[in-house]
Structure formats: C-alpha cells, structure tokens
C-alpha cells in the first residue's frame, strides 16, 4: 500500500491535526454525556446512509475484482445502520449543516471517475477509523462505542478496501491523481467540521 501511505503522508499535517480534535480528546477523557454522543450518532446515521448510496453507485462501475470487497462493505454498512437504528436516537432528526455539506460531497463523489471515487472512499473510511482509534478511552461508558467502530471486522474491510484503492491509484491518470489530492483535502476539512459539530453537541448537552 505504499502509494496510499505516500498519499496520506502528503496530507499528514492536516490528518494528524484531525486526530487531535478537541472532541476526540474529550471523548477519550470520558467528558461527553450520553445525550451528546447520541446527538452525534443521529447525524452519523444520515452520513452512513450517504455512504451506502455512494458505494452502491460504485458497484456497477468497479472492476470485477473489486466488486466482492465493495459488496462486503455494503453489508457492513447495512449492519451498521441496523445497529444504530436500535440505539436511543431519533432517526428523523434534521440534518445539521455540517452533515448536509458532507452528504452533498458524497453525492458529487459518486460522479467522479471510478479511480478517484475508490481512493476517496478509502480516505473517508481511513480517517474515520483513525479518529475513533485515537479516541479510545481506558474505561468508562464509551468503550463499547469506540470498539464498535474500530472492530476487527472493520479493520479487515479497511485492509481490503486499501487494496482496491491502491489499484485505483495505479490506474488513475495524472489529472485524476491531482483530483484525488484535492478531494482528500476536502475530506479532511469535512471531517474536522463533523467533529466540530460533535463538540457543539457535547457542549450543549454537557
């Protein structure tokens, strides 16, 4: 995965900054109420629905060798949605502006050339995984929550998705690679805004 690692290293300043977001530090310290976490989860439910739509759009355009990985990802997304649906959250909660912006980005991402979309999909999942891994507390009420989004099954999927993305990068044109860099910068901005949203919920609900 040397090309993906090089890609991440090229954006490491903002990537590392994201992992130190105040909300993630606050979550690691256990200083977020359950209501604050559930308010974030209501918005995350909408985001995961957007990922489901994006990944379904990629399936018909993907090379045959990539389709099984994407199909496994779709199953994982549906399972994640089902898991969140039984949590004490309002599935009809209005979308936060930060979430609306990210959903609009996902819709645009579905229209990009396949290699661009594939690498960007990996970047979204990798930043999410890295963020939750950085938030892992030593104990407290959120251990199970963090473990859910850093589970071995997700790690295995992320490994397989990285292979898909690596091949996507190798087949991308120079213009597409430049586009990927630009989109990763946007992903990192959107991720930061998403954690800002979570921080606002944490402050609102104590």
C-alpha atoms as a PDB file:
ATOM      1  CA  UNK A   1       0.000   0.000   0.000  1.00  0.00           C
ATOM      2  CA  UNK A   2       2.981   2.277  -0.485  1.00  0.00           C
ATOM      3  CA  UNK A   3       1.124   4.708  -2.735  1.00  0.00           C
ATOM      4  CA  UNK A   4      -1.702   5.152  -0.231  1.00  0.00           C
ATOM      5  CA  UNK A   5       0.799   5.675   2.580  1.00  0.00           C
ATOM      6  CA  UNK A   6       2.582   8.251   0.470  1.00  0.00           C
ATOM      7  CA  UNK A   7      -0.762   9.873  -0.258  1.00  0.00           C
ATOM      8  CA  UNK A   8      -1.558  10.090   3.451  1.00  0.00           C
ATOM      9  CA  UNK A   9       1.925  11.371   4.228  1.00  0.00           C
ATOM     10  CA  UNK A  10       1.364  14.137   1.698  1.00  0.00           C
ATOM     11  CA  UNK A  11      -1.545  15.366   3.813  1.00  0.00           C
ATOM     12  CA  UNK A  12      -0.209  14.302   7.186  1.00  0.00           C
ATOM     13  CA  UNK A  13      -0.217  17.757   8.759  1.00  0.00           C
ATOM     14  CA  UNK A  14      -3.998  18.085   8.493  1.00  0.00           C
ATOM     15  CA  UNK A  15      -4.544  14.351   9.032  1.00  0.00           C
ATOM     16  CA  UNK A  16      -2.620  14.426  12.324  1.00  0.00           C
ATOM     17  CA  UNK A  17      -4.380  17.634  13.369  1.00  0.00           C
ATOM     18  CA  UNK A  18      -7.704  15.875  12.855  1.00  0.00           C
ATOM     19  CA  UNK A  19      -6.723  13.082  15.241  1.00  0.00           C
ATOM     20  CA  UNK A  20      -6.147  15.665  17.953  1.00  0.00           C
ATOM     21  CA  UNK A  21      -9.527  17.337  17.593  1.00  0.00           C
ATOM     22  CA  UNK A  22     -10.833  18.651  20.960  1.00  0.00           C
ATOM     23  CA  UNK A  23     -13.931  16.461  20.772  1.00  0.00           C
ATOM     24  CA  UNK A  24     -11.866  13.300  20.335  1.00  0.00           C
ATOM     25  CA  UNK A  25      -9.696  14.298  23.308  1.00  0.00           C
ATOM     26  CA  UNK A  26     -12.853  14.990  25.283  1.00  0.00           C
ATOM     27  CA  UNK A  27     -14.327  11.625  24.343  1.00  0.00           C
ATOM     28  CA  UNK A  28     -11.106   9.863  25.300  1.00  0.00           C
ATOM     29  CA  UNK A  29     -11.279  11.522  28.711  1.00  0.00           C
ATOM     30  CA  UNK A  30     -14.925  10.468  29.135  1.00  0.00           C
ATOM     31  CA  UNK A  31     -16.123  14.077  29.344  1.00  0.00           C
ATOM     32  CA  UNK A  32     -19.084  13.727  26.980  1.00  0.00           C
ATOM     33  CA  UNK A  33     -22.627  12.940  28.076  1.00  0.00           C
ATOM     34  CA  UNK A  34     -24.544  10.062  26.542  1.00  0.00           C
ATOM     35  CA  UNK A  35     -27.031  12.558  25.077  1.00  0.00           C
ATOM     36  CA  UNK A  36     -24.179  14.411  23.398  1.00  0.00           C
ATOM     37  CA  UNK A  37     -22.910  11.187  21.852  1.00  0.00           C
ATOM     38  CA  UNK A  38     -26.382  10.169  20.699  1.00  0.00           C
ATOM     39  CA  UNK A  39     -26.930  13.596  19.097  1.00  0.00           C
ATOM     40  CA  UNK A  40     -23.765  12.976  17.073  1.00  0.00           C
ATOM     41  CA  UNK A  41     -24.932   9.453  16.249  1.00  0.00           C
ATOM     42  CA  UNK A  42     -28.193  10.812  14.817  1.00  0.00           C
ATOM     43  CA  UNK A  43     -26.125  12.768  12.329  1.00  0.00           C
ATOM     44  CA  UNK A  44     -23.807   9.842  11.702  1.00  0.00           C
ATOM     45  CA  UNK A  45     -26.808   7.707  10.758  1.00  0.00           C
ATOM     46  CA  UNK A  46     -27.528  10.118   7.908  1.00  0.00           C
ATOM     47  CA  UNK A  47     -23.889  10.075   6.874  1.00  0.00           C
ATOM     48  CA  UNK A  48     -23.753   6.275   6.735  1.00  0.00           C
ATOM     49  CA  UNK A  49     -26.892   6.299   4.585  1.00  0.00           C
ATOM     50  CA  UNK A  50     -24.983   8.577   2.214  1.00  0.00           C
ATOM     51  CA  UNK A  51     -22.078   6.128   2.177  1.00  0.00           C
ATOM     52  CA  UNK A  52     -24.494   3.325   1.350  1.00  0.00           C
ATOM     53  CA  UNK A  53     -25.747   5.251  -1.668  1.00  0.00           C
ATOM     54  CA  UNK A  54     -22.218   6.099  -2.811  1.00  0.00           C
ATOM     55  CA  UNK A  55     -20.934   2.546  -2.525  1.00  0.00           C
ATOM     56  CA  UNK A  56     -23.972   1.173  -4.356  1.00  0.00           C
ATOM     57  CA  UNK A  57     -23.233   3.608  -7.191  1.00  0.00           C
ATOM     58  CA  UNK A  58     -19.632   2.404  -7.398  1.00  0.00           C
ATOM     59  CA  UNK A  59     -20.505  -1.288  -7.709  1.00  0.00           C
ATOM     60  CA  UNK A  60     -21.556  -1.311 -11.397  1.00  0.00           C
ATOM     61  CA  UNK A  61     -18.501   0.766 -12.379  1.00  0.00           C
ATOM     62  CA  UNK A  62     -15.976  -1.241 -10.393  1.00  0.00           C
ATOM     63  CA  UNK A  63     -13.659  -3.803 -11.986  1.00  0.00           C
ATOM     64  CA  UNK A  64     -14.853  -7.341 -11.409  1.00  0.00           C
ATOM     65  CA  UNK A  65     -12.008  -7.995  -8.949  1.00  0.00           C
ATOM     66  CA  UNK A  66     -13.160  -5.090  -6.752  1.00  0.00           C
ATOM     67  CA  UNK A  67     -16.844  -5.933  -6.535  1.00  0.00           C
ATOM     68  CA  UNK A  68     -16.657  -8.511  -3.759  1.00  0.00           C
ATOM     69  CA  UNK A  69     -14.813  -6.066  -1.494  1.00  0.00           C
ATOM     70  CA  UNK A  70     -17.370  -3.357  -2.192  1.00  0.00           C
ATOM     71  CA  UNK A  71     -20.196  -5.849  -1.644  1.00  0.00           C
ATOM     72  CA  UNK A  72     -18.774  -6.796   1.759  1.00  0.00           C
ATOM     73  CA  UNK A  73     -18.593  -3.097   2.520  1.00  0.00           C
ATOM     74  CA  UNK A  74     -22.253  -2.683   1.635  1.00  0.00           C
ATOM     75  CA  UNK A  75     -23.206  -5.491   4.012  1.00  0.00           C
ATOM     76  CA  UNK A  76     -21.157  -3.841   6.746  1.00  0.00           C
ATOM     77  CA  UNK A  77     -22.854  -0.505   6.138  1.00  0.00           C
ATOM     78  CA  UNK A  78     -26.327  -2.079   6.350  1.00  0.00           C
ATOM     79  CA  UNK A  79     -25.347  -3.833   9.586  1.00  0.00           C
ATOM     80  CA  UNK A  80     -24.034  -0.548  10.981  1.00  0.00           C
ATOM     81  CA  UNK A  81     -27.284   1.210  10.108  1.00  0.00           C
ATOM     82  CA  UNK A  82     -29.266  -1.579  11.761  1.00  0.00           C
ATOM     83  CA  UNK A  83     -27.108  -1.297  14.885  1.00  0.00           C
ATOM     84  CA  UNK A  84     -27.582   2.465  15.107  1.00  0.00           C
ATOM     85  CA  UNK A  85     -31.320   2.122  14.480  1.00  0.00           C
ATOM     86  CA  UNK A  86     -31.784   0.266  17.781  1.00  0.00           C
ATOM     87  CA  UNK A  87     -29.863   2.869  19.759  1.00  0.00           C
ATOM     88  CA  UNK A  88     -31.835   5.586  21.609  1.00  0.00           C
ATOM     89  CA  UNK A  89     -31.599   8.091  18.768  1.00  0.00           C
ATOM     90  CA  UNK A  90     -34.079   9.981  16.595  1.00  0.00           C
ATOM     91  CA  UNK A  91     -33.668   8.668  13.055  1.00  0.00           C
ATOM     92  CA  UNK A  92     -35.734  11.602  11.766  1.00  0.00           C
ATOM     93  CA  UNK A  93     -33.607  14.294  13.404  1.00  0.00           C
ATOM     94  CA  UNK A  94     -32.962  17.158  10.945  1.00  0.00           C
ATOM     95  CA  UNK A  95     -29.580  17.167   9.295  1.00  0.00           C
ATOM     96  CA  UNK A  96     -27.003  19.527  10.749  1.00  0.00           C
ATOM     97  CA  UNK A  97     -25.459  21.939   8.192  1.00  0.00           C
ATOM     98  CA  UNK A  98     -22.081  20.218   8.579  1.00  0.00           C
ATOM     99  CA  UNK A  99     -23.732  16.921   7.740  1.00  0.00           C
ATOM    100  CA  UNK A 100     -25.583  18.418   4.767  1.00  0.00           C
ATOM    101  CA  UNK A 101     -22.274  19.615   3.339  1.00  0.00           C
ATOM    102  CA  UNK A 102     -20.718  16.170   3.714  1.00  0.00           C
ATOM    103  CA  UNK A 103     -23.726  14.465   2.122  1.00  0.00           C
ATOM    104  CA  UNK A 104     -23.552  16.865  -0.829  1.00  0.00           C
ATOM    105  CA  UNK A 105     -19.869  15.978  -1.177  1.00  0.00           C
ATOM    106  CA  UNK A 106     -20.677  12.246  -1.208  1.00  0.00           C
ATOM    107  CA  UNK A 107     -23.214  12.789  -3.974  1.00  0.00           C
ATOM    108  CA  UNK A 108     -20.621  14.619  -6.055  1.00  0.00           C
ATOM    109  CA  UNK A 109     -18.062  11.926  -5.306  1.00  0.00           C
ATOM    110  CA  UNK A 110     -20.339   9.372  -6.915  1.00  0.00           C
ATOM    111  CA  UNK A 111     -19.967  11.242 -10.203  1.00  0.00           C
ATOM    112  CA  UNK A 112     -16.157  11.201 -10.213  1.00  0.00           C
ATOM    113  CA  UNK A 113     -14.169   8.702 -12.321  1.00  0.00           C
ATOM    114  CA  UNK A 114     -14.001   5.326 -10.612  1.00  0.00           C
ATOM    115  CA  UNK A 115     -10.318   5.517  -9.523  1.00  0.00           C
ATOM    116  CA  UNK A 116     -10.961   8.913  -7.931  1.00  0.00           C
ATOM    117  CA  UNK A 117     -14.051   7.673  -6.104  1.00  0.00           C
ATOM    118  CA  UNK A 118     -12.358   4.466  -4.948  1.00  0.00           C
ATOM    119  CA  UNK A 119      -9.347   6.201  -3.409  1.00  0.00           C
ATOM    120  CA  UNK A 120     -11.564   8.855  -1.826  1.00  0.00           C
ATOM    121  CA  UNK A 121     -13.798   6.160  -0.330  1.00  0.00           C
ATOM    122  CA  UNK A 122     -10.744   4.613   1.285  1.00  0.00           C
ATOM    123  CA  UNK A 123      -9.660   8.016   2.631  1.00  0.00           C
ATOM    124  CA  UNK A 124     -13.084   8.609   4.209  1.00  0.00           C
ATOM    125  CA  UNK A 125     -13.067   5.222   5.914  1.00  0.00           C
ATOM    126  CA  UNK A 126      -9.427   5.502   6.979  1.00  0.00           C
ATOM    127  CA  UNK A 127      -9.836   8.945   8.559  1.00  0.00           C
ATOM    128  CA  UNK A 128     -12.938   7.691  10.400  1.00  0.00           C
ATOM    129  CA  UNK A 129     -11.071   4.647  11.687  1.00  0.00           C
ATOM    130  CA  UNK A 130      -8.021   6.677  12.711  1.00  0.00           C
ATOM    131  CA  UNK A 131     -10.172   9.236  14.515  1.00  0.00           C
ATOM    132  CA  UNK A 132     -12.034   6.640  16.571  1.00  0.00           C
ATOM    133  CA  UNK A 133      -8.815   4.781  17.314  1.00  0.00           C
ATOM    134  CA  UNK A 134      -7.326   7.994  18.678  1.00  0.00           C
ATOM    135  CA  UNK A 135     -10.410   8.459  20.887  1.00  0.00           C
ATOM    136  CA  UNK A 136     -10.186   5.065  22.564  1.00  0.00           C
ATOM    137  CA  UNK A 137     -10.674   5.577  26.336  1.00  0.00           C
ATOM    138  CA  UNK A 138      -9.129   3.436  29.055  1.00  0.00           C
ATOM    139  CA  UNK A 139     -12.582   2.849  30.515  1.00  0.00           C
ATOM    140  CA  UNK A 140     -15.945   4.465  31.017  1.00  0.00           C
ATOM    141  CA  UNK A 141     -19.281   4.343  29.194  1.00  0.00           C
ATOM    142  CA  UNK A 142     -17.922   4.790  25.672  1.00  0.00           C
ATOM    143  CA  UNK A 143     -15.548   1.846  25.433  1.00  0.00           C
ATOM    144  CA  UNK A 144     -18.135  -0.292  23.631  1.00  0.00           C
ATOM    145  CA  UNK A 145     -18.941   2.560  21.263  1.00  0.00           C
ATOM    146  CA  UNK A 146     -15.315   3.048  20.244  1.00  0.00           C
ATOM    147  CA  UNK A 147     -14.809  -0.703  19.943  1.00  0.00           C
ATOM    148  CA  UNK A 148     -17.786  -0.889  17.575  1.00  0.00           C
ATOM    149  CA  UNK A 149     -16.118   1.479  15.086  1.00  0.00           C
ATOM    150  CA  UNK A 150     -12.656   0.002  15.470  1.00  0.00           C
ATOM    151  CA  UNK A 151     -13.731  -3.656  15.441  1.00  0.00           C
ATOM    152  CA  UNK A 152     -11.538  -6.282  13.740  1.00  0.00           C
ATOM    153  CA  UNK A 153     -14.201  -6.720  11.040  1.00  0.00           C
ATOM    154  CA  UNK A 154     -13.959  -3.057  10.081  1.00  0.00           C
ATOM    155  CA  UNK A 155     -10.171  -3.232  10.166  1.00  0.00           C
ATOM    156  CA  UNK A 156     -10.255  -6.233   7.822  1.00  0.00           C
ATOM    157  CA  UNK A 157     -12.599  -4.426   5.442  1.00  0.00           C
ATOM    158  CA  UNK A 158     -10.367  -1.363   5.537  1.00  0.00           C
ATOM    159  CA  UNK A 159      -7.391  -3.538   4.593  1.00  0.00           C
ATOM    160  CA  UNK A 160      -9.259  -4.966   1.598  1.00  0.00           C
ATOM    161  CA  UNK A 161     -10.521  -1.522   0.609  1.00  0.00           C
ATOM    162  CA  UNK A 162      -6.932  -0.270   0.698  1.00  0.00           C
ATOM    163  CA  UNK A 163      -6.011  -2.880  -1.905  1.00  0.00           C
ATOM    164  CA  UNK A 164      -8.866  -1.650  -4.082  1.00  0.00           C
ATOM    165  CA  UNK A 165      -7.772   1.953  -3.618  1.00  0.00           C
ATOM    166  CA  UNK A 166      -4.130   1.132  -4.315  1.00  0.00           C
ATOM    167  CA  UNK A 167      -5.127  -0.381  -7.656  1.00  0.00           C
ATOM    168  CA  UNK A 168      -7.347   2.640  -8.277  1.00  0.00           C
ATOM    169  CA  UNK A 169      -4.400   4.955  -7.730  1.00  0.00           C
ATOM    170  CA  UNK A 170      -2.187   2.931 -10.080  1.00  0.00           C
ATOM    171  CA  UNK A 171      -4.774   3.141 -12.865  1.00  0.00           C
ATOM    172  CA  UNK A 172      -5.532   6.840 -12.321  1.00  0.00           C
ATOM    173  CA  UNK A 173      -4.308   9.425 -14.797  1.00  0.00           C
ATOM    174  CA  UNK A 174      -2.142  12.332 -13.659  1.00  0.00           C
ATOM    175  CA  UNK A 175      -5.216  14.580 -13.757  1.00  0.00           C
ATOM    176  CA  UNK A 176      -7.181  12.084 -11.664  1.00  0.00           C
ATOM    177  CA  UNK A 177      -4.354  11.862  -9.134  1.00  0.00           C
ATOM    178  CA  UNK A 178      -4.336  15.629  -8.780  1.00  0.00           C
ATOM    179  CA  UNK A 179      -8.094  15.485  -8.264  1.00  0.00           C
ATOM    180  CA  UNK A 180      -7.642  12.838  -5.557  1.00  0.00           C
ATOM    181  CA  UNK A 181      -5.262  15.119  -3.658  1.00  0.00           C
ATOM    182  CA  UNK A 182      -7.785  17.954  -3.838  1.00  0.00           C
ATOM    183  CA  UNK A 183     -10.603  15.705  -2.641  1.00  0.00           C
ATOM    184  CA  UNK A 184      -8.574  14.414   0.303  1.00  0.00           C
ATOM    185  CA  UNK A 185      -8.018  17.998   1.391  1.00  0.00           C
ATOM    186  CA  UNK A 186     -11.783  18.494   1.240  1.00  0.00           C
ATOM    187  CA  UNK A 187     -12.423  15.235   3.132  1.00  0.00           C
ATOM    188  CA  UNK A 188     -10.149  16.392   5.944  1.00  0.00           C
ATOM    189  CA  UNK A 189     -11.964  19.733   6.111  1.00  0.00           C
ATOM    190  CA  UNK A 190     -15.336  17.988   6.201  1.00  0.00           C
ATOM    191  CA  UNK A 191     -14.153  15.579   8.875  1.00  0.00           C
ATOM    192  CA  UNK A 192     -12.939  18.477  11.010  1.00  0.00           C
ATOM    193  CA  UNK A 193     -16.314  20.195  10.611  1.00  0.00           C
ATOM    194  CA  UNK A 194     -18.044  16.958  11.611  1.00  0.00           C
ATOM    195  CA  UNK A 195     -16.061  16.752  14.843  1.00  0.00           C
ATOM    196  CA  UNK A 196     -16.746  20.455  15.427  1.00  0.00           C
ATOM    197  CA  UNK A 197     -20.424  19.515  15.193  1.00  0.00           C
ATOM    198  CA  UNK A 198     -19.868  16.744  17.740  1.00  0.00           C
ATOM    199  CA  UNK A 199     -18.069  19.180  20.025  1.00  0.00           C
ATOM    200  CA  UNK A 200     -21.009  21.568  19.828  1.00  0.00           C
ATOM    201  CA  UNK A 201     -23.376  18.761  20.824  1.00  0.00           C
ATOM    202  CA  UNK A 202     -21.078  17.809  23.695  1.00  0.00           C
ATOM    203  CA  UNK A 203     -21.086  21.391  24.951  1.00  0.00           C
ATOM    204  CA  UNK A 204     -24.856  21.720  24.505  1.00  0.00           C
ATOM    205  CA  UNK A 205     -25.719  18.559  26.407  1.00  0.00           C
ATOM    206  CA  UNK A 206     -22.900  18.615  28.944  1.00  0.00           C
END
